Amino acid sequence: MITREFERVLRPGGAVVYMGIGEQDGRELKETFGRGQDFDRWNGRPLSEEIAQELSDAGFVVTRNQAFRFEEFYHSPGDLDTFLHQVPIIDNYDSAADKEAFDRYVAAATVDQGVRLSRHWFIVQAQKPTAVEPSHS
């Protein structure tokens, strides 16, 4: 549970900004490969909502929950291949074993700007409540 550490290190009134990779990240790529990070979670509850709920359940006040969708372009298929070796988007990515799926994706995703990859990230911002002073009645 991520919130325990936030509770421990933040002072009352302190804020946390959680940036994560959304479940729709690289969807077309994952569909082409038939696997990948959060593959088949697309019709479930968004990851950002799960994080926001966890923070809320821990007593934090969620002040922002926003998704960001954008396009990345790789200059060449080789650049995309290098990227896929460095990140967990495709489980156990292997240039040789995945060549057929990779080539299919590159053929479908190549545009004038390069090889397109749709991205999906999110930010959840929350604040730890200020300490409540005990009443002296």
C-alpha atoms as a PDB file:
ATOM      1  CA  MET A   1       0.000   0.000   0.000  1.00  0.00           C
ATOM      2  CA  ILE A   2       1.607   3.242  -1.165  1.00  0.00           C
ATOM      3  CA  THR A   3      -0.180   5.447   1.322  1.00  0.00           C
ATOM      4  CA  ARG A   4       1.607   4.154   4.437  1.00  0.00           C
ATOM      5  CA  GLU A   5       4.872   5.774   3.400  1.00  0.00           C
ATOM      6  CA  PHE A   6       3.115   9.019   2.457  1.00  0.00           C
ATOM      7  CA  GLU A   7       1.425   9.062   5.863  1.00  0.00           C
ATOM      8  CA  ARG A   8       4.759   8.452   7.563  1.00  0.00           C
ATOM      9  CA  VAL A   9       6.846  11.108   5.811  1.00  0.00           C
ATOM     10  CA  LEU A  10       4.355  13.932   5.302  1.00  0.00           C
ATOM     11  CA  ARG A  11       3.585  16.500   7.934  1.00  0.00           C
ATOM     12  CA  PRO A  12      -0.039  17.525   8.451  1.00  0.00           C
ATOM     13  CA  GLY A  13      -1.006  19.768   5.537  1.00  0.00           C
ATOM     14  CA  GLY A  14       1.723  18.246   3.340  1.00  0.00           C
ATOM     15  CA  ALA A  15       0.983  17.339  -0.262  1.00  0.00           C
ATOM     16  CA  VAL A  16       1.785  14.372  -2.453  1.00  0.00           C
ATOM     17  CA  VAL A  17       1.831  14.329  -6.244  1.00  0.00           C
ATOM     18  CA  TYR A  18       1.665  10.805  -7.635  1.00  0.00           C
ATOM     19  CA  MET A  19       2.505  10.445 -11.314  1.00  0.00           C
ATOM     20  CA  GLY A  20       1.773   7.102 -12.920  1.00  0.00           C
ATOM     21  CA  ILE A  21       1.436   5.334 -16.228  1.00  0.00           C
ATOM     22  CA  GLY A  22      -2.198   4.741 -17.151  1.00  0.00           C
ATOM     23  CA  GLU A  23      -3.716   1.461 -18.185  1.00  0.00           C
ATOM     24  CA  GLN A  24      -4.243   2.727 -21.769  1.00  0.00           C
ATOM     25  CA  ASP A  25      -0.526   3.459 -22.277  1.00  0.00           C
ATOM     26  CA  GLY A  26       0.739   2.002 -25.570  1.00  0.00           C
ATOM     27  CA  ARG A  27      -2.565   0.227 -26.131  1.00  0.00           C
ATOM     28  CA  GLU A  28      -2.161  -0.316 -29.897  1.00  0.00           C
ATOM     29  CA  LEU A  29       1.353  -1.648 -29.337  1.00  0.00           C
ATOM     30  CA  LYS A  30       0.156  -4.064 -26.644  1.00  0.00           C
ATOM     31  CA  GLU A  31      -2.745  -5.203 -28.828  1.00  0.00           C
ATOM     32  CA  THR A  32      -0.301  -5.963 -31.638  1.00  0.00           C
ATOM     33  CA  PHE A  33       1.942  -7.979 -29.297  1.00  0.00           C
ATOM     34  CA  GLY A  34      -0.956  -9.576 -27.417  1.00  0.00           C
ATOM     35  CA  ARG A  35       0.645  -8.748 -24.080  1.00  0.00           C
ATOM     36  CA  GLY A  36       2.078  -5.908 -22.054  1.00  0.00           C
ATOM     37  CA  GLN A  37       1.935  -3.835 -18.910  1.00  0.00           C
ATOM     38  CA  ASP A  38      -1.685  -3.760 -17.634  1.00  0.00           C
ATOM     39  CA  PHE A  39      -2.810  -5.614 -20.772  1.00  0.00           C
ATOM     40  CA  ASP A  40      -6.567  -6.331 -20.696  1.00  0.00           C
ATOM     41  CA  ARG A  41      -7.287  -3.784 -17.916  1.00  0.00           C
ATOM     42  CA  TRP A  42      -8.783  -1.323 -20.379  1.00  0.00           C
ATOM     43  CA  ASN A  43     -12.411  -1.879 -19.442  1.00  0.00           C
ATOM     44  CA  GLY A  44     -11.852  -1.927 -15.708  1.00  0.00           C
ATOM     45  CA  ARG A  45     -11.435   0.819 -13.179  1.00  0.00           C
ATOM     46  CA  PRO A  46      -8.765   3.361 -14.232  1.00  0.00           C
ATOM     47  CA  LEU A  47      -5.504   3.102 -12.304  1.00  0.00           C
ATOM     48  CA  SER A  48      -5.695   6.792 -11.382  1.00  0.00           C
ATOM     49  CA  GLU A  49      -9.043   6.177  -9.667  1.00  0.00           C
ATOM     50  CA  GLU A  50      -7.544   3.280  -7.694  1.00  0.00           C
ATOM     51  CA  ILE A  51      -4.684   5.498  -6.474  1.00  0.00           C
ATOM     52  CA  ALA A  52      -7.074   8.348  -5.635  1.00  0.00           C
ATOM     53  CA  GLN A  53      -9.338   5.950  -3.714  1.00  0.00           C
ATOM     54  CA  GLU A  54      -6.397   4.512  -1.772  1.00  0.00           C
ATOM     55  CA  LEU A  55      -5.273   8.006  -0.785  1.00  0.00           C
ATOM     56  CA  SER A  56      -8.820   9.026   0.141  1.00  0.00           C
ATOM     57  CA  ASP A  57      -9.319   5.864   2.224  1.00  0.00           C
ATOM     58  CA  ALA A  58      -6.124   6.758   4.124  1.00  0.00           C
ATOM     59  CA  GLY A  59      -7.575  10.150   5.022  1.00  0.00           C
ATOM     60  CA  PHE A  60      -5.908  12.272   2.351  1.00  0.00           C
ATOM     61  CA  VAL A  61      -7.943  14.892   0.494  1.00  0.00           C
ATOM     62  CA  VAL A  62      -7.596  14.310  -3.258  1.00  0.00           C
ATOM     63  CA  THR A  63      -7.275  17.694  -4.959  1.00  0.00           C
ATOM     64  CA  ARG A  64      -6.488  16.576  -8.519  1.00  0.00           C
ATOM     65  CA  ASN A  65      -6.911  13.439 -10.604  1.00  0.00           C
ATOM     66  CA  GLN A  66      -6.017  14.096 -14.225  1.00  0.00           C
ATOM     67  CA  ALA A  67      -5.101  11.898 -17.167  1.00  0.00           C
ATOM     68  CA  PHE A  68      -2.716  12.974 -19.912  1.00  0.00           C
ATOM     69  CA  ARG A  69      -2.763  11.425 -23.359  1.00  0.00           C
ATOM     70  CA  PHE A  70      -0.087  12.293 -25.847  1.00  0.00           C
ATOM     71  CA  GLU A  71       1.793  10.890 -28.811  1.00  0.00           C
ATOM     72  CA  GLU A  72       5.498  10.065 -28.894  1.00  0.00           C
ATOM     73  CA  PHE A  73       7.305   9.677 -32.198  1.00  0.00           C
ATOM     74  CA  TYR A  74      10.432   7.588 -32.712  1.00  0.00           C
ATOM     75  CA  HIS A  75      12.714   8.636 -35.567  1.00  0.00           C
ATOM     76  CA  SER A  76      13.227   5.053 -36.669  1.00  0.00           C
ATOM     77  CA  PRO A  77      12.127   1.503 -35.873  1.00  0.00           C
ATOM     78  CA  GLY A  78      15.561   1.031 -34.285  1.00  0.00           C
ATOM     79  CA  ASP A  79      14.846   3.857 -31.841  1.00  0.00           C
ATOM     80  CA  LEU A  80      11.552   2.213 -30.836  1.00  0.00           C
ATOM     81  CA  ASP A  81      13.314  -1.151 -30.477  1.00  0.00           C
ATOM     82  CA  THR A  82      15.879   0.431 -28.128  1.00  0.00           C
ATOM     83  CA  PHE A  83      13.092   2.042 -26.099  1.00  0.00           C
ATOM     84  CA  LEU A  84      11.201  -1.253 -25.726  1.00  0.00           C
ATOM     85  CA  HIS A  85      14.309  -2.897 -24.279  1.00  0.00           C
ATOM     86  CA  GLN A  86      14.492  -0.176 -21.602  1.00  0.00           C
ATOM     87  CA  VAL A  87      10.895  -0.091 -20.323  1.00  0.00           C
ATOM     88  CA  PRO A  88       8.343  -2.688 -19.140  1.00  0.00           C
ATOM     89  CA  ILE A  89       5.631  -1.809 -21.682  1.00  0.00           C
ATOM     90  CA  ILE A  90       5.981  -5.225 -23.382  1.00  0.00           C
ATOM     91  CA  ASP A  91       6.765  -8.108 -21.024  1.00  0.00           C
ATOM     92  CA  ASN A  92      10.066  -9.852 -21.850  1.00  0.00           C
ATOM     93  CA  TYR A  93      10.517  -7.926 -25.093  1.00  0.00           C
ATOM     94  CA  ASP A  94      12.988  -9.653 -27.400  1.00  0.00           C
ATOM     95  CA  SER A  95      13.931  -8.133 -30.771  1.00  0.00           C
ATOM     96  CA  ALA A  96      14.319 -11.488 -32.509  1.00  0.00           C
ATOM     97  CA  ALA A  97      11.405 -13.390 -30.945  1.00  0.00           C
ATOM     98  CA  ASP A  98       9.042 -10.420 -31.305  1.00  0.00           C
ATOM     99  CA  LYS A  99      10.168  -9.368 -34.793  1.00  0.00           C
ATOM    100  CA  GLU A 100       6.892 -10.283 -36.538  1.00  0.00           C
ATOM    101  CA  ALA A 101       4.707  -8.309 -34.086  1.00  0.00           C
ATOM    102  CA  PHE A 102       7.210  -5.443 -34.019  1.00  0.00           C
ATOM    103  CA  ASP A 103       7.253  -5.170 -37.818  1.00  0.00           C
ATOM    104  CA  ARG A 104       3.422  -5.275 -37.922  1.00  0.00           C
ATOM    105  CA  TYR A 105       3.224  -2.464 -35.370  1.00  0.00           C
ATOM    106  CA  VAL A 106       5.838  -0.330 -37.154  1.00  0.00           C
ATOM    107  CA  ALA A 107       4.027  -0.750 -40.494  1.00  0.00           C
ATOM    108  CA  ALA A 108       0.721   0.373 -38.945  1.00  0.00           C
ATOM    109  CA  ALA A 109       2.142   3.185 -36.759  1.00  0.00           C
ATOM    110  CA  THR A 110       4.608   4.879 -39.096  1.00  0.00           C
ATOM    111  CA  VAL A 111       3.574   8.401 -40.089  1.00  0.00           C
ATOM    112  CA  ASP A 112       5.470  11.420 -41.447  1.00  0.00           C
ATOM    113  CA  GLN A 113       6.780  12.294 -37.958  1.00  0.00           C
ATOM    114  CA  GLY A 114       8.129   8.770 -37.320  1.00  0.00           C
ATOM    115  CA  VAL A 115       6.847   5.689 -35.515  1.00  0.00           C
ATOM    116  CA  ARG A 116       3.915   6.786 -33.338  1.00  0.00           C
ATOM    117  CA  LEU A 117       3.318   5.501 -29.820  1.00  0.00           C
ATOM    118  CA  SER A 118       0.199   6.613 -27.935  1.00  0.00           C
ATOM    119  CA  ARG A 119       0.918   7.352 -24.285  1.00  0.00           C
ATOM    120  CA  HIS A 120      -1.339   7.639 -21.236  1.00  0.00           C
ATOM    121  CA  TRP A 121      -0.069   8.993 -17.924  1.00  0.00           C
ATOM    122  CA  PHE A 122      -1.858  10.440 -14.936  1.00  0.00           C
ATOM    123  CA  ILE A 123      -1.337  12.657 -11.914  1.00  0.00           C
ATOM    124  CA  VAL A 124      -3.128  12.310  -8.592  1.00  0.00           C
ATOM    125  CA  GLN A 125      -2.500  15.113  -6.128  1.00  0.00           C
ATOM    126  CA  ALA A 126      -3.631  14.862  -2.507  1.00  0.00           C
ATOM    127  CA  GLN A 127      -3.109  16.658   0.772  1.00  0.00           C
ATOM    128  CA  LYS A 128      -2.647  15.204   4.223  1.00  0.00           C
ATOM    129  CA  PRO A 129      -5.174  16.808   6.548  1.00  0.00           C
ATOM    130  CA  THR A 130      -3.895  19.274   9.116  1.00  0.00           C
ATOM    131  CA  ALA A 131      -3.880  17.995  12.666  1.00  0.00           C
ATOM    132  CA  VAL A 132      -7.111  18.632  14.501  1.00  0.00           C
ATOM    133  CA  GLU A 133      -6.509  20.458  17.751  1.00  0.00           C
ATOM    134  CA  PRO A 134      -8.267  18.875  20.722  1.00  0.00           C
ATOM    135  CA  SER A 135     -11.047  21.035  22.134  1.00  0.00           C
ATOM    136  CA  HIS A 136     -10.593  22.412  25.654  1.00  0.00           C
ATOM    137  CA  SER A 137     -14.230  22.706  26.731  1.00  0.00           C
END
